[in-house]
PDB file of N, CA and C in Angstrom:
ATOM      1  N   UNK A   1      73.054  77.321 114.647  1.00  0.00           N
ATOM      2  CA  UNK A   1      73.058  78.708 114.191  1.00  0.00           C
ATOM      3  C   UNK A   1      72.758  78.699 112.684  1.00  0.00           C
ATOM      4  N   UNK A   2      71.791  79.520 112.282  1.00  0.00           N
ATOM      5  CA  UNK A   2      71.464  79.576 110.859  1.00  0.00           C
ATOM      6  C   UNK A   2      72.485  80.449 110.114  1.00  0.00           C
ATOM      7  N   UNK A   3      72.409  80.435 108.795  1.00  0.00           N
ATOM      8  CA  UNK A   3      73.379  81.150 107.949  1.00  0.00           C
ATOM      9  C   UNK A   3      73.392  82.647 108.239  1.00  0.00           C
ATOM     10  N   UNK A   4      72.216  83.256 108.374  1.00  0.00           N
ATOM     11  CA  UNK A   4      72.144  84.699 108.639  1.00  0.00           C
ATOM     12  C   UNK A   4      72.794  85.042 109.975  1.00  0.00           C
ATOM     13  N   UNK A   5      72.537  84.238 110.986  1.00  0.00           N
ATOM     14  CA  UNK A   5      73.134  84.482 112.303  1.00  0.00           C
ATOM     15  C   UNK A   5      74.646  84.295 112.249  1.00  0.00           C
ATOM     16  N   UNK A   6      75.094  83.276 111.518  1.00  0.00           N
ATOM     17  CA  UNK A   6      76.532  83.036 111.376  1.00  0.00           C
ATOM     18  C   UNK A   6      77.195  84.207 110.653  1.00  0.00           C
ATOM     19  N   UNK A   7      76.545  84.697 109.615  1.00  0.00           N
ATOM     20  CA  UNK A   7      77.088  85.831 108.861  1.00  0.00           C
ATOM     21  C   UNK A   7      77.178  87.068 109.754  1.00  0.00           C
ATOM     22  N   UNK A   8      76.132  87.334 110.528  1.00  0.00           N
ATOM     23  CA  UNK A   8      76.153  88.473 111.447  1.00  0.00           C
ATOM     24  C   UNK A   8      77.249  88.329 112.486  1.00  0.00           C
ATOM     25  N   UNK A   9      77.465  87.107 112.964  1.00  0.00           N
ATOM     26  CA  UNK A   9      78.523  86.848 113.947  1.00  0.00           C
ATOM     27  C   UNK A   9      79.895  87.175 113.356  1.00  0.00           C
ATOM     28  N   UNK A  10      80.154  86.696 112.145  1.00  0.00           N
ATOM     29  CA  UNK A  10      81.444  86.969 111.504  1.00  0.00           C
ATOM     30  C   UNK A  10      81.604  88.464 111.232  1.00  0.00           C
ATOM     31  N   UNK A  11      80.567  89.096 110.714  1.00  0.00           N
ATOM     32  CA  UNK A  11      80.633  90.534 110.442  1.00  0.00           C
ATOM     33  C   UNK A  11      80.945  91.333 111.707  1.00  0.00           C
ATOM     34  N   UNK A  12      80.386  90.909 112.827  1.00  0.00           N
ATOM     35  CA  UNK A  12      80.613  91.641 114.082  1.00  0.00           C
ATOM     36  C   UNK A  12      82.037  91.462 114.601  1.00  0.00           C
ATOM     37  N   UNK A  13      82.748  90.471 114.074  1.00  0.00           N
ATOM     38  CA  UNK A  13      84.112  90.177 114.518  1.00  0.00           C
ATOM     39  C   UNK A  13      85.146  90.487 113.428  1.00  0.00           C
ATOM     40  N   UNK A  14      84.794  91.377 112.502  1.00  0.00           N
ATOM     41  CA  UNK A  14      85.652  91.697 111.364  1.00  0.00           C
ATOM     42  C   UNK A  14      86.126  93.144 111.451  1.00  0.00           C
ATOM     43  N   UNK A  15      87.410  93.341 111.131  1.00  0.00           N
ATOM     44  CA  UNK A  15      87.973  94.694 111.157  1.00  0.00           C
ATOM     45  C   UNK A  15      89.240  94.730 110.322  1.00  0.00           C
ATOM     46  N   UNK A  16      89.664  95.934 109.985  1.00  0.00           N
ATOM     47  CA  UNK A  16      90.979  96.133 109.381  1.00  0.00           C
ATOM     48  C   UNK A  16      91.968  96.285 110.521  1.00  0.00           C
ATOM     49  N   UNK A  17      93.102  95.624 110.391  1.00  0.00           N
ATOM     50  CA  UNK A  17      94.058  95.631 111.489  1.00  0.00           C
ATOM     51  C   UNK A  17      95.481  95.533 110.960  1.00  0.00           C
ATOM     52  N   UNK A  18      96.395  96.230 111.619  1.00  0.00           N
ATOM     53  CA  UNK A  18      97.797  96.197 111.218  1.00  0.00           C
ATOM     54  C   UNK A  18      98.421  94.870 111.633  1.00  0.00           C
ATOM     55  N   UNK A  19      99.344  94.398 110.810  1.00  0.00           N
ATOM     56  CA  UNK A  19      99.995  93.112 111.060  1.00  0.00           C
ATOM     57  C   UNK A  19     100.540  93.011 112.480  1.00  0.00           C
ATOM     58  N   UNK A  20     101.130  94.056 112.984  1.00  0.00           N
ATOM     59  CA  UNK A  20     101.748  93.995 114.320  1.00  0.00           C
ATOM     60  C   UNK A  20     100.755  93.559 115.398  1.00  0.00           C
ATOM     61  N   UNK A  21      99.470  93.854 115.205  1.00  0.00           N
ATOM     62  CA  UNK A  21      98.447  93.453 116.161  1.00  0.00           C
ATOM     63  C   UNK A  21      98.069  91.977 116.014  1.00  0.00           C
ATOM     64  N   UNK A  22      98.502  91.357 114.921  1.00  0.00           N
ATOM     65  CA  UNK A  22      98.155  89.958 114.646  1.00  0.00           C
ATOM     66  C   UNK A  22      99.297  88.992 114.932  1.00  0.00           C
ATOM     67  N   UNK A  23     100.473  89.520 115.200  1.00  0.00           N
ATOM     68  CA  UNK A  23     101.658  88.666 115.356  1.00  0.00           C
ATOM     69  C   UNK A  23     101.491  87.611 116.450  1.00  0.00           C
ATOM     70  N   UNK A  24     100.855  87.936 117.542  1.00  0.00           N
ATOM     71  CA  UNK A  24     100.695  86.943 118.623  1.00  0.00           C
ATOM     72  C   UNK A  24      99.807  85.784 118.185  1.00  0.00           C
ATOM     73  N   UNK A  25      98.830  86.061 117.327  1.00  0.00           N
ATOM     74  CA  UNK A  25      97.970  84.990 116.804  1.00  0.00           C
ATOM     75  C   UNK A  25      98.766  84.101 115.842  1.00  0.00           C
ATOM     76  N   UNK A  26      99.659  84.735 115.070  1.00  0.00           N
ATOM     77  CA  UNK A  26     100.542  83.986 114.182  1.00  0.00           C
ATOM     78  C   UNK A  26     101.444  83.073 115.012  1.00  0.00           C
ATOM     79  N   UNK A  27     102.031  83.623 116.060  1.00  0.00           N
ATOM     80  CA  UNK A  27     102.926  82.839 116.915  1.00  0.00           C
ATOM     81  C   UNK A  27     102.202  81.657 117.566  1.00  0.00           C
ATOM     82  N   UNK A  28     100.914  81.826 117.841  1.00  0.00           N
ATOM     83  CA  UNK A  28     100.120  80.756 118.456  1.00  0.00           C
ATOM     84  C   UNK A  28      99.622  79.741 117.428  1.00  0.00           C
ATOM     85  N   UNK A  29      99.836  80.026 116.140  1.00  0.00           N
ATOM     86  CA  UNK A  29      99.379  79.112 115.096  1.00  0.00           C
ATOM     87  C   UNK A  29      97.901  79.217 114.781  1.00  0.00           C
ATOM     88  N   UNK A  30      97.296  80.363 115.099  1.00  0.00           N
ATOM     89  CA  UNK A  30      95.853  80.550 114.915  1.00  0.00           C
ATOM     90  C   UNK A  30      95.486  81.455 113.747  1.00  0.00           C
ATOM     91  N   UNK A  31      96.466  81.832 112.931  1.00  0.00           N
ATOM     92  CA  UNK A  31      96.216  82.779 111.848  1.00  0.00           C
ATOM     93  C   UNK A  31      96.076  82.021 110.524  1.00  0.00           C
ATOM     94  N   UNK A  32      94.955  82.236 109.846  1.00  0.00           N
ATOM     95  CA  UNK A  32      94.646  81.540 108.600  1.00  0.00           C
ATOM     96  C   UNK A  32      94.512  82.564 107.471  1.00  0.00           C
ATOM     97  N   UNK A  33      95.283  82.350 106.406  1.00  0.00           N
ATOM     98  CA  UNK A  33      95.238  83.215 105.239  1.00  0.00           C
ATOM     99  C   UNK A  33      94.066  82.831 104.344  1.00  0.00           C
ATOM    100  N   UNK A  34      93.340  83.841 103.880  1.00  0.00           N
ATOM    101  CA  UNK A  34      92.231  83.662 102.946  1.00  0.00           C
ATOM    102  C   UNK A  34      92.579  84.424 101.663  1.00  0.00           C
ATOM    103  N   UNK A  35      92.614  83.723 100.549  1.00  0.00           N
ATOM    104  CA  UNK A  35      92.907  84.346  99.255  1.00  0.00           C
ATOM    105  C   UNK A  35      91.892  85.439  98.957  1.00  0.00           C
ATOM    106  N   UNK A  36      92.340  86.459  98.230  1.00  0.00           N
ATOM    107  CA  UNK A  36      91.404  87.518  97.843  1.00  0.00           C
ATOM    108  C   UNK A  36      90.422  87.051  96.766  1.00  0.00           C
ATOM    109  N   UNK A  37      90.583  85.818  96.289  1.00  0.00           N
ATOM    110  CA  UNK A  37      89.605  85.233  95.371  1.00  0.00           C
ATOM    111  C   UNK A  37      88.341  84.790  96.109  1.00  0.00           C
ATOM    112  N   UNK A  38      88.415  84.751  97.441  1.00  0.00           N
ATOM    113  CA  UNK A  38      87.283  84.333  98.266  1.00  0.00           C
ATOM    114  C   UNK A  38      86.736  85.500  99.068  1.00  0.00           C
ATOM    115  N   UNK A  39      85.504  85.364  99.504  1.00  0.00           N
ATOM    116  CA  UNK A  39      84.875  86.341 100.387  1.00  0.00           C
ATOM    117  C   UNK A  39      85.201  85.951 101.828  1.00  0.00           C
ATOM    118  N   UNK A  40      85.858  86.854 102.543  1.00  0.00           N
ATOM    119  CA  UNK A  40      86.281  86.588 103.922  1.00  0.00           C
ATOM    120  C   UNK A  40      85.105  86.174 104.804  1.00  0.00           C
ATOM    121  N   UNK A  41      83.986  86.850 104.660  1.00  0.00           N
ATOM    122  CA  UNK A  41      82.815  86.556 105.487  1.00  0.00           C
ATOM    123  C   UNK A  41      82.268  85.166 105.163  1.00  0.00           C
ATOM    124  N   UNK A  42      82.207  84.828 103.886  1.00  0.00           N
ATOM    125  CA  UNK A  42      81.723  83.502 103.489  1.00  0.00           C
ATOM    126  C   UNK A  42      82.607  82.401 104.069  1.00  0.00           C
ATOM    127  N   UNK A  43      83.916  82.610 104.059  1.00  0.00           N
ATOM    128  CA  UNK A  43      84.826  81.623 104.633  1.00  0.00           C
ATOM    129  C   UNK A  43      84.555  81.474 106.131  1.00  0.00           C
ATOM    130  N   UNK A  44      84.367  82.598 106.812  1.00  0.00           N
ATOM    131  CA  UNK A  44      84.059  82.541 108.242  1.00  0.00           C
ATOM    132  C   UNK A  44      82.763  81.798 108.527  1.00  0.00           C
ATOM    133  N   UNK A  45      81.752  82.039 107.724  1.00  0.00           N
ATOM    134  CA  UNK A  45      80.469  81.344 107.893  1.00  0.00           C
ATOM    135  C   UNK A  45      80.656  79.845 107.689  1.00  0.00           C
ATOM    136  N   UNK A  46      81.415  79.462 106.672  1.00  0.00           N
ATOM    137  CA  UNK A  46      81.659  78.045 106.429  1.00  0.00           C
ATOM    138  C   UNK A  46      82.453  77.409 107.561  1.00  0.00           C
ATOM    139  N   UNK A  47      83.321  78.177 108.187  1.00  0.00           N
ATOM    140  CA  UNK A  47      84.053  77.673 109.346  1.00  0.00           C
ATOM    141  C   UNK A  47      83.105  77.450 110.524  1.00  0.00           C
ATOM    142  N   UNK A  48      82.251  78.414 110.778  1.00  0.00           N
ATOM    143  CA  UNK A  48      81.260  78.265 111.860  1.00  0.00           C
ATOM    144  C   UNK A  48      80.370  77.059 111.603  1.00  0.00           C
ATOM    145  N   UNK A  49      79.975  76.869 110.347  1.00  0.00           N
ATOM    146  CA  UNK A  49      79.077  75.758 109.980  1.00  0.00           C
ATOM    147  C   UNK A  49      79.831  74.427 109.847  1.00  0.00           C
ATOM    148  N   UNK A  50      81.154  74.443 110.059  1.00  0.00           N
ATOM    149  CA  UNK A  50      81.992  73.234 109.997  1.00  0.00           C
ATOM    150  C   UNK A  50      81.834  72.515 108.657  1.00  0.00           C
ATOM    151  N   UNK A  51      81.886  73.289 107.578  1.00  0.00           N
ATOM    152  CA  UNK A  51      81.731  72.761 106.225  1.00  0.00           C
ATOM    153  C   UNK A  51      83.071  72.185 105.747  1.00  0.00           C
ATOM    154  N   UNK A  52      83.361  70.961 106.179  1.00  0.00           N
ATOM    155  CA  UNK A  52      84.649  70.323 105.884  1.00  0.00           C
ATOM    156  C   UNK A  52      84.877  70.141 104.393  1.00  0.00           C
ATOM    157  N   UNK A  53      83.839  69.774 103.662  1.00  0.00           N
ATOM    158  CA  UNK A  53      83.978  69.555 102.222  1.00  0.00           C
ATOM    159  C   UNK A  53      84.461  70.827 101.529  1.00  0.00           C
ATOM    160  N   UNK A  54      83.850  71.972 101.853  1.00  0.00           N
ATOM    161  CA  UNK A  54      84.258  73.242 101.239  1.00  0.00           C
ATOM    162  C   UNK A  54      85.683  73.594 101.625  1.00  0.00           C
ATOM    163  N   UNK A  55      86.043  73.407 102.901  1.00  0.00           N
ATOM    164  CA  UNK A  55      87.403  73.734 103.338  1.00  0.00           C
ATOM    165  C   UNK A  55      88.442  72.844 102.670  1.00  0.00           C
ATOM    166  N   UNK A  56      88.118  71.582 102.460  1.00  0.00           N
ATOM    167  CA  UNK A  56      89.044  70.688 101.752  1.00  0.00           C
ATOM    168  C   UNK A  56      89.278  71.195 100.331  1.00  0.00           C
ATOM    169  N   UNK A  57      88.219  71.643  99.681  1.00  0.00           N
ATOM    170  CA  UNK A  57      88.350  72.190  98.330  1.00  0.00           C
ATOM    171  C   UNK A  57      89.240  73.432  98.338  1.00  0.00           C
ATOM    172  N   UNK A  58      88.955  74.359  99.239  1.00  0.00           N
ATOM    173  CA  UNK A  58      89.744  75.588  99.315  1.00  0.00           C
ATOM    174  C   UNK A  58      91.204  75.314  99.658  1.00  0.00           C
ATOM    175  N   UNK A  59      91.437  74.419 100.609  1.00  0.00           N
ATOM    176  CA  UNK A  59      92.825  74.134 100.994  1.00  0.00           C
ATOM    177  C   UNK A  59      93.567  73.409  99.881  1.00  0.00           C
ATOM    178  N   UNK A  60      92.898  72.528  99.158  1.00  0.00           N
ATOM    179  CA  UNK A  60      93.566  71.827  98.055  1.00  0.00           C
ATOM    180  C   UNK A  60      93.951  72.797  96.939  1.00  0.00           C
ATOM    181  N   UNK A  61      93.226  73.886  96.812  1.00  0.00           N
ATOM    182  CA  UNK A  61      93.523  74.919  95.811  1.00  0.00           C
ATOM    183  C   UNK A  61      94.426  76.025  96.371  1.00  0.00           C
ATOM    184  N   UNK A  62      94.874  75.872  97.622  1.00  0.00           N
ATOM    185  CA  UNK A  62      95.714  76.861  98.310  1.00  0.00           C
ATOM    186  C   UNK A  62      95.045  78.224  98.445  1.00  0.00           C
ATOM    187  N   UNK A  63      93.713  78.234  98.493  1.00  0.00           N
ATOM    188  CA  UNK A  63      92.966  79.476  98.696  1.00  0.00           C
ATOM    189  C   UNK A  63      92.833  79.794 100.183  1.00  0.00           C
ATOM    190  N   UNK A  64      92.967  78.778 101.013  1.00  0.00           N
ATOM    191  CA  UNK A  64      92.916  78.913 102.466  1.00  0.00           C
ATOM    192  C   UNK A  64      94.059  78.070 103.024  1.00  0.00           C
ATOM    193  N   UNK A  65      94.897  78.696 103.861  1.00  0.00           N
ATOM    194  CA  UNK A  65      96.010  77.962 104.468  1.00  0.00           C
ATOM    195  C   UNK A  65      96.566  78.754 105.647  1.00  0.00           C
ATOM    196  N   UNK A  66      97.299  78.076 106.529  1.00  0.00           N
ATOM    197  CA  UNK A  66      97.949  78.815 107.609  1.00  0.00           C
ATOM    198  C   UNK A  66      98.882  79.877 107.030  1.00  0.00           C
ATOM    199  N   UNK A  67      98.962  81.001 107.698  1.00  0.00           N
ATOM    200  CA  UNK A  67      99.868  82.068 107.265  1.00  0.00           C
ATOM    201  C   UNK A  67     101.296  81.524 107.305  1.00  0.00           C
ATOM    202  N   UNK A  68     102.030  81.766 106.232  1.00  0.00           N
ATOM    203  CA  UNK A  68     103.404  81.277 106.141  1.00  0.00           C
ATOM    204  C   UNK A  68     104.383  82.276 106.759  1.00  0.00           C
ATOM    205  N   UNK A  69     105.581  81.793 107.055  1.00  0.00           N
ATOM    206  CA  UNK A  69     106.630  82.678 107.561  1.00  0.00           C
ATOM    207  C   UNK A  69     106.938  83.774 106.546  1.00  0.00           C
ATOM    208  N   UNK A  70     106.945  83.416 105.265  1.00  0.00           N
ATOM    209  CA  UNK A  70     107.228  84.393 104.208  1.00  0.00           C
ATOM    210  C   UNK A  70     106.190  85.517 104.207  1.00  0.00           C
ATOM    211  N   UNK A  71     104.916  85.146 104.327  1.00  0.00           N
ATOM    212  CA  UNK A  71     103.870  86.170 104.395  1.00  0.00           C
ATOM    213  C   UNK A  71     104.062  87.048 105.625  1.00  0.00           C
ATOM    214  N   UNK A  72     104.323  86.427 106.767  1.00  0.00           N
ATOM    215  CA  UNK A  72     104.481  87.168 108.017  1.00  0.00           C
ATOM    216  C   UNK A  72     105.627  88.172 107.930  1.00  0.00           C
ATOM    217  N   UNK A  73     106.741  87.751 107.360  1.00  0.00           N
ATOM    218  CA  UNK A  73     107.895  88.652 107.224  1.00  0.00           C
ATOM    219  C   UNK A  73     107.550  89.819 106.300  1.00  0.00           C
ATOM    220  N   UNK A  74     106.908  89.529 105.173  1.00  0.00           N
ATOM    221  CA  UNK A  74     106.524  90.584 104.225  1.00  0.00           C
ATOM    222  C   UNK A  74     105.576  91.586 104.886  1.00  0.00           C
ATOM    223  N   UNK A  75     104.567  91.068 105.573  1.00  0.00           N
ATOM    224  CA  UNK A  75     103.587  91.951 106.201  1.00  0.00           C
ATOM    225  C   UNK A  75     104.219  92.781 107.314  1.00  0.00           C
ATOM    226  N   UNK A  76     105.162  92.199 108.049  1.00  0.00           N
ATOM    227  CA  UNK A  76     105.882  92.932 109.084  1.00  0.00           C
ATOM    228  C   UNK A  76     106.694  94.064 108.447  1.00  0.00           C
ATOM    229  N   UNK A  77     107.475  93.722 107.423  1.00  0.00           N
ATOM    230  CA  UNK A  77     108.338  94.711 106.765  1.00  0.00           C
ATOM    231  C   UNK A  77     107.534  95.850 106.148  1.00  0.00           C
ATOM    232  N   UNK A  78     106.371  95.533 105.606  1.00  0.00           N
ATOM    233  CA  UNK A  78     105.567  96.535 104.903  1.00  0.00           C
ATOM    234  C   UNK A  78     104.506  97.194 105.795  1.00  0.00           C
ATOM    235  N   UNK A  79     104.482  96.807 107.070  1.00  0.00           N
ATOM    236  CA  UNK A  79     103.472  97.340 107.999  1.00  0.00           C
ATOM    237  C   UNK A  79     102.073  97.229 107.383  1.00  0.00           C
ATOM    238  N   UNK A  80     101.787  96.054 106.874  1.00  0.00           N
ATOM    239  CA  UNK A  80     100.558  95.796 106.130  1.00  0.00           C
ATOM    240  C   UNK A  80      99.326  95.843 107.030  1.00  0.00           C
ATOM    241  N   UNK A  81      98.260  96.385 106.472  1.00  0.00           N
ATOM    242  CA  UNK A  81      96.945  96.361 107.113  1.00  0.00           C
ATOM    243  C   UNK A  81      96.147  95.261 106.421  1.00  0.00           C
ATOM    244  N   UNK A  82      95.562  94.381 107.208  1.00  0.00           N
ATOM    245  CA  UNK A  82      94.811  93.246 106.688  1.00  0.00           C
ATOM    246  C   UNK A  82      93.372  93.315 107.164  1.00  0.00           C
ATOM    247  N   UNK A  83      92.489  92.672 106.431  1.00  0.00           N
ATOM    248  CA  UNK A  83      91.157  92.418 106.933  1.00  0.00           C
ATOM    249  C   UNK A  83      91.273  91.195 107.824  1.00  0.00           C
ATOM    250  N   UNK A  84      90.670  91.210 108.973  1.00  0.00           N
ATOM    251  CA  UNK A  84      90.711  90.070 109.882  1.00  0.00           C
ATOM    252  C   UNK A  84      89.302  89.798 110.402  1.00  0.00           C
ATOM    253  N   UNK A  85      89.008  88.518 110.546  1.00  0.00           N
ATOM    254  CA  UNK A  85      87.732  88.088 111.118  1.00  0.00           C
ATOM    255  C   UNK A  85      88.036  87.001 112.138  1.00  0.00           C
ATOM    256  N   UNK A  86      87.508  87.170 113.331  1.00  0.00           N
ATOM    257  CA  UNK A  86      87.727  86.194 114.392  1.00  0.00           C
ATOM    258  C   UNK A  86      86.609  85.162 114.366  1.00  0.00           C
ATOM    259  N   UNK A  87      87.018  83.911 114.229  1.00  0.00           N
ATOM    260  CA  UNK A  87      86.128  82.767 114.392  1.00  0.00           C
ATOM    261  C   UNK A  87      86.896  81.859 115.350  1.00  0.00           C
ATOM    262  N   UNK A  88      86.767  82.164 116.633  1.00  0.00           N
ATOM    263  CA  UNK A  88      87.597  81.557 117.677  1.00  0.00           C
ATOM    264  C   UNK A  88      87.674  80.044 117.529  1.00  0.00           C
ATOM    265  N   UNK A  89      88.865  79.486 117.684  1.00  0.00           N
ATOM    266  CA  UNK A  89      90.115  80.151 118.082  1.00  0.00           C
ATOM    267  C   UNK A  89      90.900  80.742 116.919  1.00  0.00           C
ATOM    268  N   UNK A  90      90.329  80.722 115.733  1.00  0.00           N
ATOM    269  CA  UNK A  90      91.033  81.154 114.528  1.00  0.00           C
ATOM    270  C   UNK A  90      90.843  82.640 114.260  1.00  0.00           C
ATOM    271  N   UNK A  91      91.849  83.213 113.602  1.00  0.00           N
ATOM    272  CA  UNK A  91      91.746  84.560 113.066  1.00  0.00           C
ATOM    273  C   UNK A  91      92.020  84.429 111.576  1.00  0.00           C
ATOM    274  N   UNK A  92      91.015  84.740 110.781  1.00  0.00           N
ATOM    275  CA  UNK A  92      91.123  84.685 109.327  1.00  0.00           C
ATOM    276  C   UNK A  92      91.631  86.023 108.836  1.00  0.00           C
ATOM    277  N   UNK A  93      92.620  86.021 107.950  1.00  0.00           N
ATOM    278  CA  UNK A  93      93.164  87.282 107.441  1.00  0.00           C
ATOM    279  C   UNK A  93      93.178  87.273 105.925  1.00  0.00           C
ATOM    280  N   UNK A  94      92.994  88.467 105.382  1.00  0.00           N
ATOM    281  CA  UNK A  94      92.964  88.645 103.941  1.00  0.00           C
ATOM    282  C   UNK A  94      93.597  89.989 103.618  1.00  0.00           C
ATOM    283  N   UNK A  95      94.422  90.017 102.584  1.00  0.00           N
ATOM    284  CA  UNK A  95      95.036  91.283 102.200  1.00  0.00           C
ATOM    285  C   UNK A  95      93.982  92.223 101.647  1.00  0.00           C
ATOM    286  N   UNK A  96      94.119  93.493 101.996  1.00  0.00           N
ATOM    287  CA  UNK A  96      93.216  94.508 101.475  1.00  0.00           C
ATOM    288  C   UNK A  96      93.461  94.698  99.994  1.00  0.00           C
ATOM    289  N   UNK A  97      92.448  95.094  99.279  1.00  0.00           N
ATOM    290  CA  UNK A  97      92.580  95.302  97.836  1.00  0.00           C
ATOM    291  C   UNK A  97      93.648  96.346  97.512  1.00  0.00           C
ATOM    292  N   UNK A  98      93.751  97.408  98.333  1.00  0.00           N
ATOM    293  CA  UNK A  98      94.740  98.464  98.055  1.00  0.00           C
ATOM    294  C   UNK A  98      96.112  98.139  98.624  1.00  0.00           C
ATOM    295  N   UNK A  99      96.221  97.039  99.387  1.00  0.00           N
ATOM    296  CA  UNK A  99      97.481  96.592  99.989  1.00  0.00           C
ATOM    297  C   UNK A  99      98.195  97.725 100.715  1.00  0.00           C
ATOM    298  N   UNK A 100      97.419  98.572 101.364  1.00  0.00           N
ATOM    299  CA  UNK A 100      97.965  99.764 101.994  1.00  0.00           C
ATOM    300  C   UNK A 100      98.773  99.499 103.237  1.00  0.00           C
ATOM    301  N   UNK A 101      99.583 100.452 103.595  1.00  0.00           N
ATOM    302  CA  UNK A 101     100.357 100.428 104.837  1.00  0.00           C
ATOM    303  C   UNK A 101      99.871 101.580 105.693  1.00  0.00           C
ATOM    304  N   UNK A 102     100.238 101.521 106.954  1.00  0.00           N
ATOM    305  CA  UNK A 102      99.855 102.564 107.894  1.00  0.00           C
ATOM    306  C   UNK A 102     100.590 103.843 107.576  1.00  0.00           C
TER     307      UNK A 102
END
């Protein structure tokens, strides 16, 4: 899959979603936090392209990591809406710039 096709694939699987709809993915260990310093779509494309070198860099800088219990509790309490992109079996999540609630 070329970069443009990968980008279109990620874009087609991206939406804003309330935390409560993501809890089952968290429980399954499939939820990955993406820092707002990164572009969610770019991270998804790199995941599709299996760019291990880039992911090692991001994870070493804590820009990409599994969602923590602390994050999950905060998002639950605040009824947070997140940007989410599905790159099966993973769901990438990123806090919205306005950090809004429902």
